[in-house]
């Protein structure tokens, strides 16, 4: 239904344009003279296409984006140029009609758009009114369509739009297709902050682009992510689809330091110690990663099945409470009700950080207390473990890189 309604509106708009320009042409051919220059000179009125030259040609199809859109009147003078682009909307099935801004040259003989590059998968409508060299008025109406690519890509942004996050949040854009022209895509993604701070990009492979400042964000910072990806070629024959803006706000600072050797977690809010919580970390055969990790997701309850993270059937707990994800590989801070004597005394987990809890999740337990005071984007740093430092691309682990290393990962140095 929406497709039919969209086509009906576009057909109505096209008919209105034809009728308007038919009326204009009829007026142009009427007798008399005046300020518009009608019949200013006798003789045969030239054909509009002889007076007004428009490229691409009327009716052209699959016009490539590098081909210029131009309007010229050799020897005459342009009076008005109106160009409209109809393009499929990103989040709807109807088309959007968008004016294409441009300028007439000082001598009045040429018009060109402000943006030279044509949009992909679009229909352009060009309406021109001009005077020929003899002062006679002509009008011309043309249309053409541009190339429709077979393959498109989009970017999925972390964090969510309008989120309030912790000071450790890293902006991560995961692309739906492999990117080979990373410099072009990097230029099309803009991350800005208020108050201002230097923000730099870093590529992980060919489909993930992260952004961060040198140090954790300051509380209260407003961050904006602009994806200007529409029609950007990310790989041969693969073009971006989005023109979209995301934003988020940085909340208070909370950094929790897990000491796997001491079986404790110190929770600091804005630099002040809130509490020291007993924990159990990874057992000697499955130690917890060292390093800085960022809360990626918060789940009141979740199932944890060892088969999904390479542990076979060693465990399958259907109702793990108060779970905060730290890595893509399956590291969590979560409630633990099945080993009540372990937190504060011994490390028994498969790599997660466990806090004392009850079955079903208790609000007054250490795990419930920590969950209720956490945000996506908070930092959890683990020390004292026998495991290596978490990889920078395992979750939002980019804080484990030096600023120099981080900046070296951009496509444009």
Protein backbone atom coordinates (compact mmCIF):
# COMPACT_ATOMS: atom_id res chain seq x y z
CA UNK A 1 0.00 0.00 0.00
CA UNK A 2 2.78 2.45 0.85
CA UNK A 3 4.48 1.75 -2.47
CA UNK A 4 1.26 2.52 -4.35
CA UNK A 5 0.61 5.67 -2.31
CA UNK A 6 4.21 6.83 -2.89
CA UNK A 7 3.91 6.24 -6.65
CA UNK A 8 0.57 8.06 -6.69
CA UNK A 9 2.05 11.09 -4.99
CA UNK A 10 5.03 11.13 -7.33
CA UNK A 11 2.76 10.73 -10.36
CA UNK A 12 0.62 13.61 -9.10
CA UNK A 13 3.66 15.76 -8.59
CA UNK A 14 4.96 14.93 -12.07
CA UNK A 15 1.55 15.75 -13.62
CA UNK A 16 1.43 19.04 -11.73
CA UNK A 17 4.90 19.89 -13.04
CA UNK A 18 3.88 19.07 -16.62
CA UNK A 19 0.72 21.17 -16.36
CA UNK A 20 2.64 24.05 -14.81
CA UNK A 21 5.27 24.03 -17.51
CA UNK A 22 2.65 23.58 -20.25
CA UNK A 23 0.92 26.69 -18.96
CA UNK A 24 4.21 28.54 -18.84
CA UNK A 25 5.03 27.58 -22.41
CA UNK A 26 1.58 28.65 -23.52
CA UNK A 27 2.16 32.00 -21.86
CA UNK A 28 5.54 32.27 -23.55
CA UNK A 29 3.99 31.85 -26.97
CA UNK A 30 1.28 34.47 -26.51
CA UNK A 31 1.55 37.80 -28.29
CA UNK A 32 2.70 41.09 -26.86
CA UNK A 33 5.91 42.39 -25.44
CA UNK A 34 7.00 43.44 -22.00
CA UNK A 35 9.55 42.99 -19.26
CA UNK A 36 9.74 39.23 -19.83
CA UNK A 37 10.87 39.80 -23.42
CA UNK A 38 7.97 37.95 -25.06
CA UNK A 39 8.19 38.28 -28.83
CA UNK A 40 10.98 40.80 -28.40
CA UNK A 41 12.25 39.79 -31.82
CA UNK A 42 10.35 38.52 -34.87
CA UNK A 43 11.00 35.22 -36.58
CA UNK A 44 10.64 31.54 -35.84
CA UNK A 45 10.89 30.65 -32.16
CA UNK A 46 13.75 28.13 -31.72
CA UNK A 47 13.10 24.76 -30.06
CA UNK A 48 13.72 24.78 -26.28
CA UNK A 49 16.47 22.14 -26.57
CA UNK A 50 18.32 24.43 -29.01
CA UNK A 51 18.21 27.28 -26.51
CA UNK A 52 18.69 25.40 -23.23
CA UNK A 53 21.34 22.70 -23.05
CA UNK A 54 20.98 20.26 -20.11
CA UNK A 55 23.29 17.40 -19.28
CA UNK A 56 22.74 14.54 -18.63
CA UNK A 57 20.32 14.25 -21.55
CA UNK A 58 16.59 14.02 -21.02
CA UNK A 59 15.56 10.43 -20.35
CA UNK A 60 19.06 9.20 -19.49
CA UNK A 61 19.21 6.10 -17.31
CA UNK A 62 21.82 4.67 -14.93
CA UNK A 63 23.86 7.89 -14.95
CA UNK A 64 27.06 7.40 -12.97
CA UNK A 65 27.68 9.66 -9.95
CA UNK A 66 30.85 11.18 -11.43
CA UNK A 67 29.01 12.66 -14.42
CA UNK A 68 28.29 16.38 -13.93
CA UNK A 69 24.85 18.00 -13.95
CA UNK A 70 25.00 21.21 -16.01
CA UNK A 71 22.61 23.75 -17.53
CA UNK A 72 23.85 26.14 -20.26
CA UNK A 73 22.34 28.82 -22.48
CA UNK A 74 24.92 29.73 -25.16
CA UNK A 75 24.40 33.36 -26.02
CA UNK A 76 21.22 33.64 -23.95
CA UNK A 77 20.48 34.21 -20.30
CA UNK A 78 19.04 31.97 -17.60
CA UNK A 79 16.12 33.31 -15.58
CA UNK A 80 15.28 30.38 -13.31
CA UNK A 81 16.60 26.87 -12.71
CA UNK A 82 14.82 24.40 -10.42
CA UNK A 83 16.26 20.94 -9.81
CA UNK A 84 14.59 18.34 -7.59
CA UNK A 85 15.94 14.94 -6.60
CA UNK A 86 13.61 12.08 -5.66
CA UNK A 87 15.34 9.33 -3.76
CA UNK A 88 14.17 6.33 -1.78
CA UNK A 89 14.05 7.16 1.90
CA UNK A 90 16.40 5.31 4.22
CA UNK A 91 13.74 4.23 6.72
CA UNK A 92 10.61 4.30 4.55
CA UNK A 93 9.41 2.97 1.23
CA UNK A 94 8.15 6.29 -0.09
CA UNK A 95 10.40 8.63 -2.03
CA UNK A 96 11.64 11.95 -0.73
CA UNK A 97 11.67 14.97 -3.02
CA UNK A 98 14.67 17.13 -2.16
CA UNK A 99 15.60 20.46 -3.82
CA UNK A 100 19.10 20.47 -5.30
CA UNK A 101 20.75 23.82 -4.53
CA UNK A 102 22.88 25.48 -7.19
CA UNK A 103 23.95 28.81 -8.65
CA UNK A 104 23.59 30.70 -11.91
CA UNK A 105 26.88 32.14 -13.15
CA UNK A 106 27.50 35.89 -13.05
CA UNK A 107 26.96 36.21 -16.82
CA UNK A 108 23.70 34.24 -16.62
CA UNK A 109 24.73 31.64 -19.19
CA UNK A 110 25.31 28.59 -16.93
CA UNK A 111 24.06 26.85 -13.79
CA UNK A 112 25.77 24.20 -11.74
CA UNK A 113 24.83 22.46 -8.46
CA UNK A 114 26.58 23.27 -5.20
CA UNK A 115 27.45 19.58 -4.85
CA UNK A 116 28.87 18.13 -8.05
CA UNK A 117 28.44 14.45 -7.23
CA UNK A 118 25.09 12.98 -8.23
CA UNK A 119 23.18 10.82 -5.77
CA UNK A 120 22.76 7.14 -6.55
CA UNK A 121 19.38 5.46 -7.09
CA UNK A 122 17.71 8.82 -7.69
CA UNK A 123 15.50 10.55 -10.24
CA UNK A 124 16.39 14.14 -11.10
CA UNK A 125 13.89 16.63 -12.49
CA UNK A 126 15.25 19.80 -14.12
CA UNK A 127 13.05 22.82 -14.97
CA UNK A 128 14.60 25.83 -16.67
CA UNK A 129 13.34 29.21 -17.89
CA UNK A 130 15.71 31.24 -20.10
CA UNK A 131 15.93 33.94 -22.78
CA UNK A 132 17.45 33.05 -26.13
CA UNK A 133 19.98 35.37 -27.85
CA UNK A 134 17.07 37.30 -29.44
CA UNK A 135 15.36 37.87 -26.09
CA UNK A 136 12.61 35.28 -26.59
CA UNK A 137 11.57 33.28 -23.56
CA UNK A 138 11.84 29.48 -23.51
CA UNK A 139 11.22 26.78 -20.92
CA UNK A 140 12.45 23.21 -20.71
CA UNK A 141 11.63 20.23 -18.48
CA UNK A 142 13.88 17.14 -18.36
CA UNK A 143 14.39 14.09 -16.17
CA UNK A 144 17.08 11.47 -15.76
CA UNK A 145 17.84 8.65 -13.31
CA UNK A 146 21.13 7.64 -11.75
CA UNK A 147 22.90 4.35 -11.29
CA UNK A 148 21.36 1.88 -8.83
CA UNK A 149 24.12 -0.18 -7.16
CA UNK A 150 23.64 -3.88 -6.62
CA UNK A 151 25.25 -3.80 -3.16
CA UNK A 152 24.85 -1.40 -0.24
CA UNK A 153 26.35 -1.23 3.24
CA UNK A 154 25.23 0.34 6.49
CA UNK A 155 26.91 1.01 9.82
CA UNK A 156 25.58 -0.20 13.18
CA UNK A 157 26.51 2.28 15.92
CA UNK A 158 27.29 1.58 19.58
CA UNK A 159 26.04 3.08 21.89
CA UNK A 160 22.33 3.46 21.17
CA UNK A 161 20.91 6.80 20.12
CA UNK A 162 20.09 9.13 23.07
CA UNK A 163 21.75 6.79 25.59
CA UNK A 164 23.31 7.98 28.86
CA UNK A 165 26.59 6.12 29.22
CA UNK A 166 29.64 5.78 31.42
CA UNK A 167 32.86 7.67 30.82
CA UNK A 168 34.58 4.66 29.23
CA UNK A 169 32.23 4.34 26.27
CA UNK A 170 33.96 3.85 22.92
CA UNK A 171 32.00 4.70 19.76
CA UNK A 172 32.01 1.57 17.62
CA UNK A 173 30.66 1.38 14.06
CA UNK A 174 30.25 -2.14 12.65
CA UNK A 175 29.67 -2.25 8.91
CA UNK A 176 27.41 -4.76 7.23
CA UNK A 177 29.98 -5.41 4.48
CA UNK A 178 33.74 -5.60 4.23
CA UNK A 179 35.27 -2.16 3.58
CA UNK A 180 38.28 -1.85 1.26
CA UNK A 181 38.33 1.95 0.82
CA UNK A 182 38.69 2.65 4.51
CA UNK A 183 39.86 6.23 4.00
CA UNK A 184 36.68 7.20 2.11
CA UNK A 185 34.45 5.63 4.74
CA UNK A 186 36.46 7.12 7.59
CA UNK A 187 36.02 10.61 6.10
CA UNK A 188 32.26 10.03 5.97
CA UNK A 189 31.95 9.25 9.70
CA UNK A 190 32.27 12.26 11.99
CA UNK A 191 32.33 12.09 15.80
CA UNK A 192 32.24 15.38 17.72
CA UNK A 193 31.89 16.31 21.38
CA UNK A 194 30.71 19.26 23.44
CA UNK A 195 32.80 20.41 25.24
CA UNK A 196 35.29 19.76 22.49
CA UNK A 197 38.01 17.13 22.73
CA UNK A 198 40.24 15.41 20.19
CA UNK A 199 38.61 12.18 18.99
CA UNK A 200 40.46 9.78 16.73
CA UNK A 201 39.45 6.71 14.71
CA UNK A 202 40.93 3.21 14.76
CA UNK A 203 40.12 0.34 12.40
CA UNK A 204 39.82 -3.23 13.59
CA UNK A 205 39.89 -5.31 10.43
CA UNK A 206 37.79 -4.33 7.42
CA UNK A 207 34.36 -3.96 8.97
CA UNK A 208 34.76 -2.17 12.31
CA UNK A 209 35.71 1.46 13.00
CA UNK A 210 36.01 2.71 16.61
CA UNK A 211 36.44 6.25 17.98
CA UNK A 212 37.70 7.46 21.36
CA UNK A 213 39.44 10.43 22.98
CA UNK A 214 42.86 10.11 24.57
CA UNK A 215 41.38 9.71 28.06
CA UNK A 216 37.97 8.75 29.38
CA UNK A 217 35.19 11.21 28.54
CA UNK A 218 34.41 13.96 31.02
CA UNK A 219 31.02 13.57 32.73
CA UNK A 220 28.35 15.66 31.04
CA UNK A 221 29.93 15.50 27.58
CA UNK A 222 27.48 15.46 24.65
CA UNK A 223 28.71 13.29 21.77
CA UNK A 224 27.33 13.32 18.22
CA UNK A 225 27.99 10.68 15.56
CA UNK A 226 27.23 11.67 11.96
CA UNK A 227 27.11 8.86 9.40
CA UNK A 228 27.38 10.59 6.02
CA UNK A 229 27.68 7.28 4.22
CA UNK A 230 25.07 7.62 1.50
CA UNK A 231 26.64 6.89 -1.90
CA UNK A 232 30.15 6.56 -0.44
CA UNK A 233 31.95 3.69 -2.18
CA UNK A 234 33.26 1.42 0.54
CA UNK A 235 34.41 -1.36 -1.80
CA UNK A 236 34.20 -1.93 -5.56
CA UNK A 237 30.50 -1.76 -6.46
CA UNK A 238 29.44 -1.40 -2.79
CA UNK A 239 27.99 1.94 -1.69
CA UNK A 240 26.79 3.33 1.62
CA UNK A 241 23.11 3.84 2.33
CA UNK A 242 22.90 6.04 5.44
CA UNK A 243 22.72 9.72 6.17
CA UNK A 244 21.95 9.51 9.86
CA UNK A 245 22.90 11.16 13.15
CA UNK A 246 23.26 9.51 16.56
CA UNK A 247 23.94 11.21 19.89
CA UNK A 248 24.57 10.21 23.48
CA UNK A 249 25.37 11.82 26.82
CA UNK A 250 28.21 10.86 29.16
CA UNK A 251 26.96 10.44 32.72
CA UNK A 252 28.91 10.19 35.95
CA UNK A 253 32.29 8.46 36.15
CA UNK A 254 32.43 4.95 37.60
CA UNK A 255 35.54 2.78 37.42
CA UNK A 256 35.67 -0.58 39.20
CA UNK A 257 39.00 -2.29 39.85
CA UNK A 258 38.91 -6.07 40.18
CA UNK A 259 41.90 -7.65 41.94
CA UNK A 260 41.73 -11.32 40.98
CA UNK A 261 44.46 -12.27 43.46
CA UNK A 262 42.78 -10.55 46.41
CA UNK A 263 39.23 -11.57 45.38
CA UNK A 264 37.95 -7.99 45.68
CA UNK A 265 36.42 -5.26 43.51
CA UNK A 266 36.77 -1.59 44.48
CA UNK A 267 33.97 0.55 43.03
CA UNK A 268 34.84 4.23 42.63
CA UNK A 269 32.34 6.92 41.65
CA UNK A 270 33.85 10.22 40.44
CA UNK A 271 37.10 9.13 42.08
CA UNK A 272 35.52 8.37 45.47
CA UNK A 273 35.47 4.82 46.86
CA UNK A 274 31.86 3.63 47.14
CA UNK A 275 32.49 0.09 48.27
CA UNK A 276 34.86 -2.87 48.25
CA UNK A 277 32.92 -5.91 47.05
CA UNK A 278 34.04 -9.57 47.43
CA UNK A 279 34.33 -11.37 44.09
CA UNK A 280 35.31 -14.67 42.55
CA UNK A 281 37.30 -14.54 39.31
CA UNK A 282 38.46 -17.16 36.82
CA UNK A 283 39.85 -20.41 38.23
CA UNK A 284 43.53 -21.18 37.54
CA UNK A 285 42.65 -23.23 34.46
CA UNK A 286 40.37 -20.45 33.11
CA UNK A 287 41.74 -17.14 34.42
CA UNK A 288 40.00 -13.81 33.83
CA UNK A 289 41.48 -11.39 31.31
CA UNK A 290 43.57 -8.57 32.73
CA UNK A 291 43.06 -5.02 31.49
CA UNK A 292 40.40 -2.37 30.99
CA UNK A 293 37.00 -3.55 29.82
CA UNK A 294 33.80 -1.58 29.23
CA UNK A 295 30.25 -2.61 30.13
CA UNK A 296 28.62 -3.35 26.77
CA UNK A 297 25.22 -4.66 27.86
CA UNK A 298 23.19 -5.12 31.04
CA UNK A 299 20.83 -8.08 31.51
CA UNK A 300 18.62 -8.63 34.56
CA UNK A 301 18.83 -12.35 33.88
CA UNK A 302 20.42 -14.42 31.11
CA UNK A 303 21.33 -17.97 30.20
CA UNK A 304 25.00 -18.91 30.17
CA UNK A 305 25.84 -22.04 28.19
CA UNK A 306 29.50 -23.10 28.03
CA UNK A 307 28.99 -24.54 24.56
CA UNK A 308 28.52 -21.03 23.12
CA UNK A 309 31.98 -19.88 24.26
CA UNK A 310 34.09 -22.98 23.71
CA UNK A 311 33.68 -24.76 27.05
CA UNK A 312 31.61 -27.67 25.79
CA UNK A 313 29.02 -28.88 28.26
CA UNK A 314 30.89 -27.84 31.39
CA UNK A 315 28.04 -25.57 32.48
CA UNK A 316 24.59 -24.43 31.40
CA UNK A 317 22.93 -22.02 33.84
CA UNK A 318 19.53 -20.79 32.58
CA UNK A 319 19.00 -17.94 35.05
CA UNK A 320 22.23 -16.05 35.74
CA UNK A 321 21.17 -12.81 37.50
CA UNK A 322 22.53 -9.26 37.21
CA UNK A 323 24.78 -9.87 34.20
CA UNK A 324 26.95 -7.10 32.73
CA UNK A 325 28.77 -8.07 29.51
CA UNK A 326 32.42 -6.99 29.23
CA UNK A 327 33.71 -8.78 26.11
CA UNK A 328 32.47 -10.33 22.88
CA UNK A 329 34.08 -13.61 23.93
CA UNK A 330 31.77 -13.97 26.94
CA UNK A 331 33.35 -12.24 29.96
CA UNK A 332 30.71 -10.87 32.37
CA UNK A 333 30.40 -9.41 35.81
CA UNK A 334 27.37 -11.28 37.15
CA UNK A 335 25.57 -12.59 40.16
CA UNK A 336 26.60 -16.03 41.47
CA UNK A 337 24.16 -18.01 43.62
CA UNK A 338 25.56 -21.52 42.96
CA UNK A 339 28.93 -20.94 44.70
CA UNK A 340 27.91 -18.77 47.68
CA UNK A 341 31.17 -19.25 49.60
CA UNK A 342 33.51 -18.44 46.70
CA UNK A 343 33.34 -14.59 46.49
CA UNK A 344 36.07 -13.10 48.63
CA UNK A 345 37.88 -16.42 49.07
CA UNK A 346 38.59 -18.44 45.93
CA UNK A 347 38.45 -18.11 42.15
CA UNK A 348 36.11 -20.72 40.65
CA UNK A 349 34.62 -19.21 37.47
CA UNK A 350 35.33 -19.89 33.80
CA UNK A 351 36.70 -16.34 33.36
CA UNK A 352 33.83 -14.17 34.55
CA UNK A 353 33.76 -12.01 37.68
CA UNK A 354 31.14 -13.34 40.09
CA UNK A 355 29.44 -11.41 42.90
CA UNK A 356 27.37 -13.00 45.65
CA UNK A 357 23.68 -13.23 44.73
CA UNK A 358 20.57 -15.36 45.28
CA UNK A 359 18.56 -17.38 42.78
CA UNK A 360 16.30 -14.99 40.90
CA UNK A 361 18.52 -12.02 41.76
CA UNK A 362 18.29 -10.10 45.00
CA UNK A 363 18.32 -6.27 45.06
CA UNK A 364 20.14 -6.21 48.39
CA UNK A 365 22.91 -8.61 47.38
CA UNK A 366 26.37 -7.37 46.27
CA UNK A 367 25.49 -8.27 42.66
CA UNK A 368 22.15 -6.43 42.83
CA UNK A 369 23.79 -3.40 44.45
CA UNK A 370 26.44 -3.20 41.71
CA UNK A 371 23.96 -3.76 38.87
CA UNK A 372 21.68 -0.97 40.08
CA UNK A 373 24.60 1.49 40.19
CA UNK A 374 26.06 0.66 36.77
CA UNK A 375 25.73 2.09 33.27
CA UNK A 376 26.65 0.78 29.87
CA UNK A 377 30.01 2.44 29.26
CA UNK A 378 31.34 2.02 32.80
CA UNK A 379 34.90 0.73 33.11
CA UNK A 380 35.87 -2.51 34.85
CA UNK A 381 39.63 -3.03 35.14
CA UNK A 382 41.06 -6.41 36.13
CA UNK A 383 44.50 -6.81 37.70
CA UNK A 384 46.27 -9.67 39.45
CA UNK A 385 45.17 -12.41 37.07
CA UNK A 386 47.48 -14.92 35.40
CA UNK A 387 45.78 -14.33 32.04
CA UNK A 388 46.98 -11.99 29.27
CA UNK A 389 45.52 -8.51 28.72
CA UNK A 390 42.22 -8.51 26.88
CA UNK A 391 42.53 -7.80 23.12
CA UNK A 392 41.56 -4.24 22.11
CA UNK A 393 38.89 -5.53 19.70
CA UNK A 394 37.37 -7.99 22.18
CA UNK A 395 34.41 -5.88 23.22
CA UNK A 396 35.31 -2.23 23.73
CA UNK A 397 38.86 -2.93 24.86
CA UNK A 398 40.49 -0.05 23.02
CA UNK A 399 41.56 1.64 26.27
CA UNK A 400 44.29 -1.00 26.55
CA UNK A 401 46.15 0.69 23.67
CA UNK A 402 48.37 3.73 24.09
CA UNK A 403 47.22 6.93 22.39
CA UNK A 404 50.03 6.58 19.87
CA UNK A 405 48.99 3.03 19.03
CA UNK A 406 45.36 4.07 18.76
CA UNK A 407 46.05 6.95 16.37
CA UNK A 408 48.22 4.72 14.18
CA UNK A 409 45.12 2.63 13.38
CA UNK A 410 43.34 5.35 11.40
CA UNK A 411 43.18 5.12 7.61
CA UNK A 412 44.26 8.76 7.29
CA UNK A 413 47.19 9.64 9.53
